[in-house]
């Protein structure tokens, strides 16, 4: 497995990190505004653009990865 993070991580805990991420993603789908496959897909896609800035979270809008 590969760990890519902006924070120092302990490679011995890789299984724990993986399980925590799976649970986080399942929770995102559970909290989607509607029980619809398309809405759930949009919800999980939008999650990839949420970043923490201090104590707040924001959406990276207009990000270009060129």
Protein backbone atom coordinates (compact mmCIF):
# COMPACT_ATOMS: atom_id res chain seq x y z
CA UNK A 1 0.00 0.00 0.00
CA UNK A 2 1.00 3.59 -0.53
CA UNK A 3 0.22 6.43 1.88
CA UNK A 4 0.03 9.90 0.34
CA UNK A 5 -0.56 12.59 2.92
CA UNK A 6 0.35 16.14 3.83
CA UNK A 7 0.79 14.91 7.40
CA UNK A 8 3.29 12.46 8.88
CA UNK A 9 1.74 8.97 8.96
CA UNK A 10 2.84 5.69 10.57
CA UNK A 11 3.08 3.01 7.86
CA UNK A 12 2.34 0.32 10.47
CA UNK A 13 -1.19 1.78 10.81
CA UNK A 14 -2.03 1.57 7.09
CA UNK A 15 -4.95 -0.84 7.63
CA UNK A 16 -6.43 1.47 10.27
CA UNK A 17 -6.14 4.49 7.93
CA UNK A 18 -7.72 2.53 5.08
CA UNK A 19 -10.68 1.41 7.20
CA UNK A 20 -11.22 4.94 8.53
CA UNK A 21 -11.32 6.31 4.96
CA UNK A 22 -13.80 3.63 3.88
CA UNK A 23 -16.05 4.54 6.84
CA UNK A 24 -15.74 8.26 6.03
CA UNK A 25 -16.80 7.67 2.43
CA UNK A 26 -19.74 5.47 3.44
CA UNK A 27 -20.86 8.22 5.83
CA UNK A 28 -20.75 10.78 3.02
CA UNK A 29 -23.08 8.65 0.89
CA UNK A 30 -25.43 8.12 3.88
CA UNK A 31 -25.69 11.89 4.36
CA UNK A 32 -26.38 12.67 0.70
CA UNK A 33 -29.47 14.92 0.42
CA UNK A 34 -31.41 12.24 -1.53
CA UNK A 35 -31.27 8.47 -1.84
CA UNK A 36 -30.60 8.57 -5.56
CA UNK A 37 -27.56 7.05 -7.30
CA UNK A 38 -26.87 10.21 -9.33
CA UNK A 39 -27.11 12.51 -6.28
CA UNK A 40 -24.90 10.16 -4.26
CA UNK A 41 -22.35 10.18 -7.08
CA UNK A 42 -22.35 14.00 -7.16
CA UNK A 43 -22.03 14.12 -3.37
CA UNK A 44 -18.98 11.87 -3.32
CA UNK A 45 -17.43 13.75 -6.26
CA UNK A 46 -17.90 17.11 -4.49
CA UNK A 47 -16.22 15.71 -1.37
CA UNK A 48 -12.95 15.54 -3.29
CA UNK A 49 -12.90 19.37 -3.49
CA UNK A 50 -13.50 20.18 0.19
CA UNK A 51 -10.45 21.42 2.07
CA UNK A 52 -9.85 22.48 5.66
CA UNK A 53 -8.68 26.04 6.20
CA UNK A 54 -8.08 26.54 9.87
CA UNK A 55 -11.25 25.59 11.72
CA UNK A 56 -13.44 25.99 8.64
CA UNK A 57 -13.97 23.94 5.52
CA UNK A 58 -14.38 25.32 2.03
CA UNK A 59 -14.76 24.10 -1.54
CA UNK A 60 -11.91 24.57 -3.96
CA UNK A 61 -13.77 26.30 -6.80
CA UNK A 62 -12.27 26.86 -10.21
CA UNK A 63 -9.24 24.69 -9.52
CA UNK A 64 -7.21 23.96 -12.63
CA UNK A 65 -4.83 21.00 -12.51
CA UNK A 66 -3.13 21.67 -15.83
